[in-house]
Protein backbone atom coordinates (compact mmCIF):
# COMPACT_ATOMS: atom_id res chain seq x y z
CA MET A 1 -76.71 -32.22 -1.33
CA VAL A 2 -74.03 -29.97 0.15
CA LEU A 3 -74.33 -26.22 -0.15
CA THR A 4 -71.25 -24.12 0.22
CA ILE A 5 -70.79 -20.43 0.82
CA ILE A 6 -69.15 -18.72 -2.10
CA ARG A 7 -67.32 -15.47 -1.55
CA ILE A 8 -67.13 -13.52 -4.76
CA ARG A 9 -64.95 -10.45 -4.92
CA VAL A 10 -65.63 -8.20 -7.86
CA HIS A 11 -62.84 -6.06 -9.30
CA ASN A 12 -64.20 -2.94 -7.61
CA GLY A 13 -63.71 -4.33 -4.10
CA CYS A 14 -67.36 -5.21 -3.61
CA MET A 15 -68.13 -8.62 -2.09
CA ILE A 16 -71.29 -10.56 -2.90
CA VAL A 17 -72.80 -11.64 0.41
CA CYS A 18 -76.00 -13.27 -0.87
CA VAL A 19 -75.71 -15.04 -4.20
CA CYS A 20 -79.42 -15.91 -4.31
CA LYS A 21 -80.52 -12.27 -4.10
CA ALA A 22 -77.31 -10.69 -5.52
CA VAL A 23 -76.72 -8.60 -2.40
CA SER A 24 -73.25 -7.16 -1.86
CA ASP A 25 -71.58 -5.66 1.17
CA ARG A 26 -72.07 -2.30 -0.52
CA HIS A 27 -75.85 -2.87 -0.51
CA ILE A 28 -75.67 -3.66 3.21
CA ARG A 29 -73.65 -0.49 3.93
CA THR A 30 -76.21 1.55 2.00
CA ALA A 31 -79.07 -0.08 3.91
CA VAL A 32 -77.37 0.76 7.23
CA LYS A 33 -76.95 4.37 6.13
CA GLY A 34 -80.66 4.29 5.31
CA GLY A 35 -81.57 3.17 8.82
CA ALA A 36 -81.26 -0.64 8.85
CA SER A 37 -79.92 -1.80 12.19
CA SER A 38 -80.74 -5.51 12.38
CA LEU A 39 -80.62 -8.68 10.35
CA ARG A 40 -84.41 -8.52 10.22
CA ASP A 41 -84.16 -5.10 8.53
CA LEU A 42 -81.75 -6.50 5.94
CA THR A 43 -84.06 -9.44 5.30
CA ARG A 44 -87.03 -7.14 4.81
CA ASP A 45 -85.20 -4.52 2.73
CA LEU A 46 -82.77 -6.64 0.69
CA GLY A 47 -84.12 -10.20 0.88
CA VAL A 48 -80.97 -11.51 2.57
CA GLY A 49 -81.44 -15.03 3.93
CA THR A 50 -84.84 -15.64 2.34
CA CYS A 51 -83.75 -18.40 -0.05
CA CYS A 52 -81.10 -20.86 1.13
CA GLY A 53 -79.96 -18.95 4.24
CA LYS A 54 -76.26 -19.70 3.77
CA CYS A 55 -75.49 -15.98 3.60
CA LEU A 56 -76.78 -15.13 7.08
CA PRO A 57 -73.44 -15.43 8.95
CA GLU A 58 -71.66 -13.24 6.40
CA ALA A 59 -74.58 -10.80 6.28
CA LYS A 60 -74.49 -10.54 10.07
CA SER A 61 -70.75 -9.84 9.94
CA ALA A 62 -71.16 -7.21 7.22
CA LEU A 63 -74.00 -5.62 9.20
CA ALA A 64 -71.86 -5.41 12.34
CA ALA A 65 -68.96 -3.87 10.41
CA SER A 66 -71.28 -1.34 8.75
CA LEU A 67 -72.91 -0.39 12.05
CA LYS A 68 -69.49 0.03 13.67
CA ALA A 69 -68.25 2.21 10.80
CA CYS A 70 -71.44 4.25 10.88
CA ASP A 71 -71.20 4.75 14.66
CA SER A 72 -67.56 5.82 14.49
CA SER A 73 -68.29 8.39 11.79
CA ARG A 74 -71.19 9.77 13.83
CA SER A 75 -69.11 10.00 17.01
CA ASN A 76 -66.65 12.28 15.23
CA LEU A 77 -69.48 14.72 14.54
CA PHE A 78 -70.19 15.16 18.23
CA SER A 79 -66.75 15.36 19.75
CA PRO A 80 -66.52 17.22 23.08
CA ALA A 81 -64.59 20.09 21.49
CA ALA A 82 -67.32 20.60 18.91
CA THR A 83 -70.16 20.57 21.43
CA GLU A 84 -68.71 22.91 24.08
CA PHE A 85 -70.41 26.27 24.26
CA ALA A 86 -69.21 29.45 25.87
CA VAL A 87 -71.53 30.60 28.61
């Protein structure tokens, strides 16, 4: 039997990453905002990769993109101009 990865894009721009557990990239972004920082966290919190495992490469990619986006938004909060204090 051959299993294939299916990418499903819903009309609202959300992509289903794990068909078995119905996890979208939006769920992964929300989990990252809630503190998830590893594939193990996503597996524990969302169940990603616990059935067939075909979603793990895409979940890893979505996790990396979410972490990068989260880090870039945090770095803007602490720009040097904003953290300089007059002495």
